[in-house]
C-alpha atoms as a PDB file:
ATOM      1  CA  UNK A   1     280.140 284.566 -87.452  1.00  0.00           C
ATOM      2  CA  UNK A   2     279.151 282.308 -84.548  1.00  0.00           C
ATOM      3  CA  UNK A   3     278.091 283.761 -81.275  1.00  0.00           C
ATOM      4  CA  UNK A   4     279.654 282.164 -78.148  1.00  0.00           C
ATOM      5  CA  UNK A   5     277.292 280.704 -75.575  1.00  0.00           C
ATOM      6  CA  UNK A   6     277.640 282.325 -72.141  1.00  0.00           C
ATOM      7  CA  UNK A   7     275.942 282.356 -68.767  1.00  0.00           C
ATOM      8  CA  UNK A   8     273.392 285.034 -68.222  1.00  0.00           C
ATOM      9  CA  UNK A   9     273.507 286.913 -64.939  1.00  0.00           C
ATOM     10  CA  UNK A  10     270.417 285.066 -63.726  1.00  0.00           C
ATOM     11  CA  UNK A  11     271.961 281.667 -64.515  1.00  0.00           C
ATOM     12  CA  UNK A  12     275.167 282.626 -62.713  1.00  0.00           C
ATOM     13  CA  UNK A  13     273.229 283.685 -59.627  1.00  0.00           C
ATOM     14  CA  UNK A  14     271.293 280.414 -59.685  1.00  0.00           C
ATOM     15  CA  UNK A  15     274.524 278.388 -59.857  1.00  0.00           C
ATOM     16  CA  UNK A  16     276.039 280.390 -57.004  1.00  0.00           C
ATOM     17  CA  UNK A  17     272.884 279.844 -54.938  1.00  0.00           C
ATOM     18  CA  UNK A  18     272.979 276.101 -55.569  1.00  0.00           C
ATOM     19  CA  UNK A  19     276.635 275.925 -54.556  1.00  0.00           C
ATOM     20  CA  UNK A  20     275.862 277.887 -51.394  1.00  0.00           C
ATOM     21  CA  UNK A  21     273.016 275.504 -50.522  1.00  0.00           C
ATOM     22  CA  UNK A  22     275.257 272.471 -51.080  1.00  0.00           C
ATOM     23  CA  UNK A  23     277.981 273.955 -48.874  1.00  0.00           C
ATOM     24  CA  UNK A  24     275.372 274.705 -46.221  1.00  0.00           C
ATOM     25  CA  UNK A  25     274.227 271.093 -46.324  1.00  0.00           C
ATOM     26  CA  UNK A  26     277.718 269.615 -46.290  1.00  0.00           C
ATOM     27  CA  UNK A  27     279.267 271.828 -43.607  1.00  0.00           C
ATOM     28  CA  UNK A  28     277.330 270.374 -40.636  1.00  0.00           C
ATOM     29  CA  UNK A  29     278.179 266.866 -41.811  1.00  0.00           C
ATOM     30  CA  UNK A  30     281.863 267.765 -42.069  1.00  0.00           C
ATOM     31  CA  UNK A  31     281.805 269.391 -38.638  1.00  0.00           C
ATOM     32  CA  UNK A  32     280.038 266.373 -37.169  1.00  0.00           C
ATOM     33  CA  UNK A  33     282.628 264.032 -38.677  1.00  0.00           C
ATOM     34  CA  UNK A  34     285.456 266.135 -37.273  1.00  0.00           C
ATOM     35  CA  UNK A  35     283.886 266.200 -33.818  1.00  0.00           C
ATOM     36  CA  UNK A  36     283.369 262.435 -33.943  1.00  0.00           C
ATOM     37  CA  UNK A  37     287.081 262.038 -34.665  1.00  0.00           C
ATOM     38  CA  UNK A  38     288.003 264.432 -31.837  1.00  0.00           C
ATOM     39  CA  UNK A  39     285.706 262.603 -29.443  1.00  0.00           C
ATOM     40  CA  UNK A  40     287.330 259.289 -30.374  1.00  0.00           C
ATOM     41  CA  UNK A  41     290.773 260.787 -29.741  1.00  0.00           C
ATOM     42  CA  UNK A  42     289.615 262.113 -26.363  1.00  0.00           C
ATOM     43  CA  UNK A  43     288.340 258.651 -25.487  1.00  0.00           C
ATOM     44  CA  UNK A  44     291.682 257.137 -26.490  1.00  0.00           C
ATOM     45  CA  UNK A  45     293.513 259.699 -24.340  1.00  0.00           C
ATOM     46  CA  UNK A  46     291.550 258.632 -21.290  1.00  0.00           C
ATOM     47  CA  UNK A  47     292.127 254.960 -22.083  1.00  0.00           C
ATOM     48  CA  UNK A  48     295.872 255.636 -22.143  1.00  0.00           C
ATOM     49  CA  UNK A  49     295.599 257.493 -18.835  1.00  0.00           C
ATOM     50  CA  UNK A  50     293.753 254.481 -17.451  1.00  0.00           C
ATOM     51  CA  UNK A  51     296.567 252.195 -18.596  1.00  0.00           C
ATOM     52  CA  UNK A  52     299.007 254.581 -16.937  1.00  0.00           C
ATOM     53  CA  UNK A  53     297.137 254.371 -13.632  1.00  0.00           C
ATOM     54  CA  UNK A  54     297.017 250.579 -13.813  1.00  0.00           C
ATOM     55  CA  UNK A  55     300.705 250.469 -14.751  1.00  0.00           C
ATOM     56  CA  UNK A  56     301.521 252.592 -11.710  1.00  0.00           C
ATOM     57  CA  UNK A  57     299.479 250.277  -9.497  1.00  0.00           C
ATOM     58  CA  UNK A  58     301.231 247.230 -10.880  1.00  0.00           C
ATOM     59  CA  UNK A  59     304.607 248.792 -10.135  1.00  0.00           C
ATOM     60  CA  UNK A  60     303.816 250.346  -6.730  1.00  0.00           C
ATOM     61  CA  UNK A  61     301.004 248.053  -5.522  1.00  0.00           C
ATOM     62  CA  UNK A  62     298.823 251.088  -4.861  1.00  0.00           C
ATOM     63  CA  UNK A  63     297.129 253.959  -6.662  1.00  0.00           C
ATOM     64  CA  UNK A  64     298.944 257.259  -7.216  1.00  0.00           C
ATOM     65  CA  UNK A  65     298.324 259.945  -4.611  1.00  0.00           C
ATOM     66  CA  UNK A  66     295.950 262.605  -5.895  1.00  0.00           C
ATOM     67  CA  UNK A  67     298.206 265.387  -4.678  1.00  0.00           C
ATOM     68  CA  UNK A  68     301.502 265.118  -2.845  1.00  0.00           C
ATOM     69  CA  UNK A  69     301.875 267.826  -0.171  1.00  0.00           C
ATOM     70  CA  UNK A  70     298.754 269.823  -0.913  1.00  0.00           C
ATOM     71  CA  UNK A  71     299.379 273.546  -0.608  1.00  0.00           C
ATOM     72  CA  UNK A  72     296.328 275.425   0.688  1.00  0.00           C
ATOM     73  CA  UNK A  73     295.749 278.974  -0.484  1.00  0.00           C
ATOM     74  CA  UNK A  74     298.215 281.128   1.414  1.00  0.00           C
ATOM     75  CA  UNK A  75     300.099 278.027   2.526  1.00  0.00           C
ATOM     76  CA  UNK A  76     303.884 277.696   2.470  1.00  0.00           C
ATOM     77  CA  UNK A  77     305.449 277.605  -0.993  1.00  0.00           C
ATOM     78  CA  UNK A  78     307.694 274.786   0.220  1.00  0.00           C
ATOM     79  CA  UNK A  79     304.752 272.361  -0.148  1.00  0.00           C
ATOM     80  CA  UNK A  80     305.532 270.397  -3.310  1.00  0.00           C
ATOM     81  CA  UNK A  81     301.965 269.889  -4.631  1.00  0.00           C
ATOM     82  CA  UNK A  82     302.667 267.297  -7.325  1.00  0.00           C
ATOM     83  CA  UNK A  83     299.702 265.764  -9.154  1.00  0.00           C
ATOM     84  CA  UNK A  84     298.750 262.140  -9.703  1.00  0.00           C
ATOM     85  CA  UNK A  85     299.207 262.771 -13.427  1.00  0.00           C
ATOM     86  CA  UNK A  86     302.904 263.530 -12.919  1.00  0.00           C
ATOM     87  CA  UNK A  87     303.462 260.228 -11.119  1.00  0.00           C
ATOM     88  CA  UNK A  88     302.077 258.100 -13.957  1.00  0.00           C
ATOM     89  CA  UNK A  89     304.391 259.633 -16.600  1.00  0.00           C
ATOM     90  CA  UNK A  90     306.696 256.561 -16.799  1.00  0.00           C
ATOM     91  CA  UNK A  91     303.639 254.505 -17.718  1.00  0.00           C
ATOM     92  CA  UNK A  92     302.677 256.924 -20.488  1.00  0.00           C
ATOM     93  CA  UNK A  93     306.014 256.497 -22.298  1.00  0.00           C
ATOM     94  CA  UNK A  94     307.297 259.695 -20.667  1.00  0.00           C
ATOM     95  CA  UNK A  95     310.130 258.258 -18.595  1.00  0.00           C
ATOM     96  CA  UNK A  96     312.648 260.904 -19.717  1.00  0.00           C
ATOM     97  CA  UNK A  97     310.292 263.713 -18.743  1.00  0.00           C
ATOM     98  CA  UNK A  98     309.637 262.051 -15.391  1.00  0.00           C
ATOM     99  CA  UNK A  99     313.380 261.742 -14.762  1.00  0.00           C
ATOM    100  CA  UNK A 100     313.852 265.448 -15.510  1.00  0.00           C
ATOM    101  CA  UNK A 101     311.513 266.472 -12.672  1.00  0.00           C
ATOM    102  CA  UNK A 102     313.051 267.171  -9.274  1.00  0.00           C
ATOM    103  CA  UNK A 103     310.383 265.743  -6.991  1.00  0.00           C
ATOM    104  CA  UNK A 104     312.294 266.930  -3.942  1.00  0.00           C
ATOM    105  CA  UNK A 105     311.367 270.494  -4.853  1.00  0.00           C
ATOM    106  CA  UNK A 106     307.889 272.031  -5.410  1.00  0.00           C
ATOM    107  CA  UNK A 107     306.211 271.612  -8.777  1.00  0.00           C
ATOM    108  CA  UNK A 108     306.573 275.362  -9.471  1.00  0.00           C
ATOM    109  CA  UNK A 109     310.226 275.602  -8.417  1.00  0.00           C
ATOM    110  CA  UNK A 110     312.436 277.236 -11.089  1.00  0.00           C
ATOM    111  CA  UNK A 111     314.359 273.968 -11.462  1.00  0.00           C
ATOM    112  CA  UNK A 112     311.134 272.317 -12.647  1.00  0.00           C
ATOM    113  CA  UNK A 113     310.102 275.088 -15.036  1.00  0.00           C
ATOM    114  CA  UNK A 114     311.258 273.395 -18.242  1.00  0.00           C
ATOM    115  CA  UNK A 115     309.712 270.036 -17.384  1.00  0.00           C
ATOM    116  CA  UNK A 116     306.457 271.623 -16.222  1.00  0.00           C
ATOM    117  CA  UNK A 117     306.105 273.557 -19.491  1.00  0.00           C
ATOM    118  CA  UNK A 118     306.136 270.373 -21.569  1.00  0.00           C
ATOM    119  CA  UNK A 119     302.933 269.702 -23.475  1.00  0.00           C
ATOM    120  CA  UNK A 120     301.796 266.067 -23.371  1.00  0.00           C
ATOM    121  CA  UNK A 121     299.303 265.171 -26.094  1.00  0.00           C
ATOM    122  CA  UNK A 122     297.582 262.470 -24.016  1.00  0.00           C
ATOM    123  CA  UNK A 123     296.493 265.124 -21.517  1.00  0.00           C
ATOM    124  CA  UNK A 124     294.940 267.371 -24.187  1.00  0.00           C
ATOM    125  CA  UNK A 125     291.414 266.909 -25.562  1.00  0.00           C
ATOM    126  CA  UNK A 126     291.397 267.912 -29.258  1.00  0.00           C
ATOM    127  CA  UNK A 127     287.984 269.566 -28.843  1.00  0.00           C
ATOM    128  CA  UNK A 128     289.223 271.872 -26.087  1.00  0.00           C
ATOM    129  CA  UNK A 129     290.304 275.437 -26.881  1.00  0.00           C
ATOM    130  CA  UNK A 130     293.964 276.279 -26.697  1.00  0.00           C
ATOM    131  CA  UNK A 131     295.083 277.671 -23.380  1.00  0.00           C
ATOM    132  CA  UNK A 132     297.988 280.038 -22.878  1.00  0.00           C
ATOM    133  CA  UNK A 133     299.853 278.888 -19.800  1.00  0.00           C
ATOM    134  CA  UNK A 134     303.426 278.726 -18.630  1.00  0.00           C
ATOM    135  CA  UNK A 135     302.906 275.049 -17.799  1.00  0.00           C
ATOM    136  CA  UNK A 136     301.676 272.093 -19.822  1.00  0.00           C
ATOM    137  CA  UNK A 137     297.920 271.836 -19.521  1.00  0.00           C
ATOM    138  CA  UNK A 138     295.645 268.925 -18.865  1.00  0.00           C
ATOM    139  CA  UNK A 139     292.002 268.712 -19.847  1.00  0.00           C
ATOM    140  CA  UNK A 140     291.446 265.784 -17.462  1.00  0.00           C
ATOM    141  CA  UNK A 141     291.112 266.045 -13.696  1.00  0.00           C
ATOM    142  CA  UNK A 142     291.191 263.414 -10.981  1.00  0.00           C
ATOM    143  CA  UNK A 143     288.051 262.958  -8.874  1.00  0.00           C
ATOM    144  CA  UNK A 144     288.697 263.926  -5.253  1.00  0.00           C
ATOM    145  CA  UNK A 145     285.040 263.442  -4.466  1.00  0.00           C
ATOM    146  CA  UNK A 146     281.569 264.970  -4.731  1.00  0.00           C
ATOM    147  CA  UNK A 147     279.149 267.224  -2.873  1.00  0.00           C
ATOM    148  CA  UNK A 148     276.027 265.848  -4.519  1.00  0.00           C
ATOM    149  CA  UNK A 149     275.146 262.967  -2.201  1.00  0.00           C
ATOM    150  CA  UNK A 150     277.248 263.680   0.879  1.00  0.00           C
ATOM    151  CA  UNK A 151     278.791 266.552   2.813  1.00  0.00           C
ATOM    152  CA  UNK A 152     282.145 264.798   3.007  1.00  0.00           C
ATOM    153  CA  UNK A 153     283.810 265.602  -0.321  1.00  0.00           C
ATOM    154  CA  UNK A 154     286.801 263.281   0.154  1.00  0.00           C
ATOM    155  CA  UNK A 155     284.900 260.233  -1.085  1.00  0.00           C
ATOM    156  CA  UNK A 156     286.620 259.852  -4.450  1.00  0.00           C
ATOM    157  CA  UNK A 157     289.843 258.169  -5.571  1.00  0.00           C
ATOM    158  CA  UNK A 158     292.466 260.931  -5.810  1.00  0.00           C
ATOM    159  CA  UNK A 159     292.931 262.478  -2.369  1.00  0.00           C
ATOM    160  CA  UNK A 160     295.551 264.694  -0.758  1.00  0.00           C
ATOM    161  CA  UNK A 161     298.511 262.754   0.631  1.00  0.00           C
ATOM    162  CA  UNK A 162     296.496 259.531   0.944  1.00  0.00           C
ATOM    163  CA  UNK A 163     297.500 256.204  -0.601  1.00  0.00           C
ATOM    164  CA  UNK A 164     294.602 254.048  -1.746  1.00  0.00           C
ATOM    165  CA  UNK A 165     294.433 250.590  -3.259  1.00  0.00           C
ATOM    166  CA  UNK A 166     291.851 248.794  -5.377  1.00  0.00           C
ATOM    167  CA  UNK A 167     290.382 247.184  -2.264  1.00  0.00           C
ATOM    168  CA  UNK A 168     289.469 250.656  -0.991  1.00  0.00           C
ATOM    169  CA  UNK A 169     287.056 251.019  -3.895  1.00  0.00           C
ATOM    170  CA  UNK A 170     284.225 249.110  -2.244  1.00  0.00           C
ATOM    171  CA  UNK A 171     281.638 250.171  -4.820  1.00  0.00           C
ATOM    172  CA  UNK A 172     283.480 248.310  -7.570  1.00  0.00           C
ATOM    173  CA  UNK A 173     286.006 249.426 -10.159  1.00  0.00           C
ATOM    174  CA  UNK A 174     283.537 249.411 -13.059  1.00  0.00           C
ATOM    175  CA  UNK A 175     281.176 251.859 -11.337  1.00  0.00           C
ATOM    176  CA  UNK A 176     283.712 254.185  -9.703  1.00  0.00           C
ATOM    177  CA  UNK A 177     284.972 257.139 -11.694  1.00  0.00           C
ATOM    178  CA  UNK A 178     288.648 258.027 -11.540  1.00  0.00           C
ATOM    179  CA  UNK A 179     289.202 260.849 -14.035  1.00  0.00           C
ATOM    180  CA  UNK A 180     286.898 263.095 -16.053  1.00  0.00           C
ATOM    181  CA  UNK A 181     287.120 265.931 -18.520  1.00  0.00           C
ATOM    182  CA  UNK A 182     287.646 269.262 -16.820  1.00  0.00           C
ATOM    183  CA  UNK A 183     287.781 271.799 -19.647  1.00  0.00           C
ATOM    184  CA  UNK A 184     288.429 275.393 -18.696  1.00  0.00           C
ATOM    185  CA  UNK A 185     289.123 274.747 -15.048  1.00  0.00           C
ATOM    186  CA  UNK A 186     291.368 277.196 -13.208  1.00  0.00           C
ATOM    187  CA  UNK A 187     293.934 274.545 -12.260  1.00  0.00           C
ATOM    188  CA  UNK A 188     294.428 272.545 -15.432  1.00  0.00           C
ATOM    189  CA  UNK A 189     298.130 271.667 -15.357  1.00  0.00           C
ATOM    190  CA  UNK A 190     299.296 268.061 -15.436  1.00  0.00           C
ATOM    191  CA  UNK A 191     302.076 268.682 -12.902  1.00  0.00           C
ATOM    192  CA  UNK A 192     299.961 270.736 -10.494  1.00  0.00           C
ATOM    193  CA  UNK A 193     298.142 268.827  -7.762  1.00  0.00           C
ATOM    194  CA  UNK A 194     295.224 271.230  -7.947  1.00  0.00           C
ATOM    195  CA  UNK A 195     293.936 269.264 -10.937  1.00  0.00           C
ATOM    196  CA  UNK A 196     291.978 267.044  -8.538  1.00  0.00           C
ATOM    197  CA  UNK A 197     288.507 268.358  -7.864  1.00  0.00           C
ATOM    198  CA  UNK A 198     285.181 267.920  -6.109  1.00  0.00           C
ATOM    199  CA  UNK A 199     282.097 267.640  -8.317  1.00  0.00           C
ATOM    200  CA  UNK A 200     279.239 269.804  -7.081  1.00  0.00           C
ATOM    201  CA  UNK A 201     276.881 270.002 -10.071  1.00  0.00           C
ATOM    202  CA  UNK A 202     275.866 268.126 -13.170  1.00  0.00           C
ATOM    203  CA  UNK A 203     277.840 267.378 -16.316  1.00  0.00           C
ATOM    204  CA  UNK A 204     278.449 270.620 -18.232  1.00  0.00           C
ATOM    205  CA  UNK A 205     276.239 272.326 -15.657  1.00  0.00           C
ATOM    206  CA  UNK A 206     275.560 275.891 -16.885  1.00  0.00           C
ATOM    207  CA  UNK A 207     275.005 277.018 -13.301  1.00  0.00           C
ATOM    208  CA  UNK A 208     278.383 275.733 -12.063  1.00  0.00           C
ATOM    209  CA  UNK A 209     280.831 278.465 -11.120  1.00  0.00           C
ATOM    210  CA  UNK A 210     283.319 278.932 -13.962  1.00  0.00           C
ATOM    211  CA  UNK A 211     286.081 279.556 -11.411  1.00  0.00           C
ATOM    212  CA  UNK A 212     285.760 276.013 -10.098  1.00  0.00           C
ATOM    213  CA  UNK A 213     286.901 272.679 -11.515  1.00  0.00           C
ATOM    214  CA  UNK A 214     283.906 270.624 -12.660  1.00  0.00           C
ATOM    215  CA  UNK A 215     283.123 267.937 -15.230  1.00  0.00           C
ATOM    216  CA  UNK A 216     283.009 270.021 -18.398  1.00  0.00           C
ATOM    217  CA  UNK A 217     283.787 269.373 -22.033  1.00  0.00           C
ATOM    218  CA  UNK A 218     283.465 270.845 -25.506  1.00  0.00           C
ATOM    219  CA  UNK A 219     281.730 267.699 -26.795  1.00  0.00           C
ATOM    220  CA  UNK A 220     278.056 268.228 -27.636  1.00  0.00           C
ATOM    221  CA  UNK A 221     275.765 266.562 -25.138  1.00  0.00           C
ATOM    222  CA  UNK A 222     278.165 265.371 -22.475  1.00  0.00           C
ATOM    223  CA  UNK A 223     281.697 264.604 -21.321  1.00  0.00           C
ATOM    224  CA  UNK A 224     284.105 261.664 -21.184  1.00  0.00           C
ATOM    225  CA  UNK A 225     284.950 259.890 -17.928  1.00  0.00           C
ATOM    226  CA  UNK A 226     287.470 257.187 -17.086  1.00  0.00           C
ATOM    227  CA  UNK A 227     286.434 254.507 -14.614  1.00  0.00           C
ATOM    228  CA  UNK A 228     288.747 252.673 -12.254  1.00  0.00           C
ATOM    229  CA  UNK A 229     288.620 249.446 -14.256  1.00  0.00           C
ATOM    230  CA  UNK A 230     290.017 251.310 -17.272  1.00  0.00           C
ATOM    231  CA  UNK A 231     286.898 251.677 -19.407  1.00  0.00           C
ATOM    232  CA  UNK A 232     285.790 255.086 -20.703  1.00  0.00           C
ATOM    233  CA  UNK A 233     282.157 256.176 -20.750  1.00  0.00           C
ATOM    234  CA  UNK A 234     280.458 259.218 -22.274  1.00  0.00           C
ATOM    235  CA  UNK A 235     278.356 260.852 -19.554  1.00  0.00           C
ATOM    236  CA  UNK A 236     275.401 262.753 -20.968  1.00  0.00           C
ATOM    237  CA  UNK A 237     274.421 266.186 -19.731  1.00  0.00           C
ATOM    238  CA  UNK A 238     271.107 264.833 -18.451  1.00  0.00           C
ATOM    239  CA  UNK A 239     272.567 262.124 -16.237  1.00  0.00           C
ATOM    240  CA  UNK A 240     270.732 262.046 -12.923  1.00  0.00           C
ATOM    241  CA  UNK A 241     272.591 264.024 -10.238  1.00  0.00           C
ATOM    242  CA  UNK A 242     272.301 261.264  -7.680  1.00  0.00           C
ATOM    243  CA  UNK A 243     273.630 258.681 -10.125  1.00  0.00           C
ATOM    244  CA  UNK A 244     276.550 260.969 -10.970  1.00  0.00           C
ATOM    245  CA  UNK A 245     277.391 261.368  -7.305  1.00  0.00           C
ATOM    246  CA  UNK A 246     277.149 257.623  -6.749  1.00  0.00           C
ATOM    247  CA  UNK A 247     279.595 256.982  -9.605  1.00  0.00           C
ATOM    248  CA  UNK A 248     282.175 259.247  -7.969  1.00  0.00           C
ATOM    249  CA  UNK A 249     282.056 257.784  -4.452  1.00  0.00           C
ATOM    250  CA  UNK A 250     284.455 254.900  -3.869  1.00  0.00           C
ATOM    251  CA  UNK A 251     282.577 253.255  -0.989  1.00  0.00           C
ATOM    252  CA  UNK A 252     279.157 254.849  -0.751  1.00  0.00           C
ATOM    253  CA  UNK A 253     277.405 251.509  -0.949  1.00  0.00           C
ATOM    254  CA  UNK A 254     275.211 252.632  -3.855  1.00  0.00           C
ATOM    255  CA  UNK A 255     274.029 250.070  -6.365  1.00  0.00           C
ATOM    256  CA  UNK A 256     274.249 251.657  -9.818  1.00  0.00           C
ATOM    257  CA  UNK A 257     273.374 249.692 -12.935  1.00  0.00           C
ATOM    258  CA  UNK A 258     274.975 250.450 -16.288  1.00  0.00           C
ATOM    259  CA  UNK A 259     271.566 251.350 -17.709  1.00  0.00           C
ATOM    260  CA  UNK A 260     271.400 254.329 -15.343  1.00  0.00           C
ATOM    261  CA  UNK A 261     274.336 256.076 -16.965  1.00  0.00           C
END
């Protein structure tokens, strides 16, 4: 009678250990590949947003207003407070959604509830955590300005109730930021004009107040930014503060070379 070969307990434990080691080696590579894909998708989202901004400019001969009828805290609820990102919807293949919005009424009026709740994939970074909100979120905010180089924070592109054109960007389109990742900000809704913000710290600055909108992302090492000419650049966490501020100002007169960021 033949005896059947079988694993001993020691051999089984060795095999299990080897499998565990292999999984441990493969998992970081798989996670890195997934993040690389998410980062590429985030970059593509911003490129599409850039095309939307340029499409708006081609149609209107100006840039979209950062926020239409800004509503200060405690201000009248009749202020409409529509965001730049709502105005570019027709140029993001969202004409039907744009047509469903009543722009004569505030963004948070009950008649705009259904439209405002619509999720738009272009405005969502795949690396960002899901956010429970009654309105469609955006992980990208428009740059109102900065408090790094100057005390006048309205030195960016997307201002309140102000119409700008390319010629107002004296520093050059390729070195002037328009939109950046703003993960986890308190006002991250594509229809809400509060999604324009003033940058006060560095990229993914751990000391920045979490209750404020800042350039933040879930990408390791930095965050994506869209420039006025339509190109997207990955800003590292260690970018020089002064360079970051210079990239946000539209007419600060700073000379910034591509090697600096």
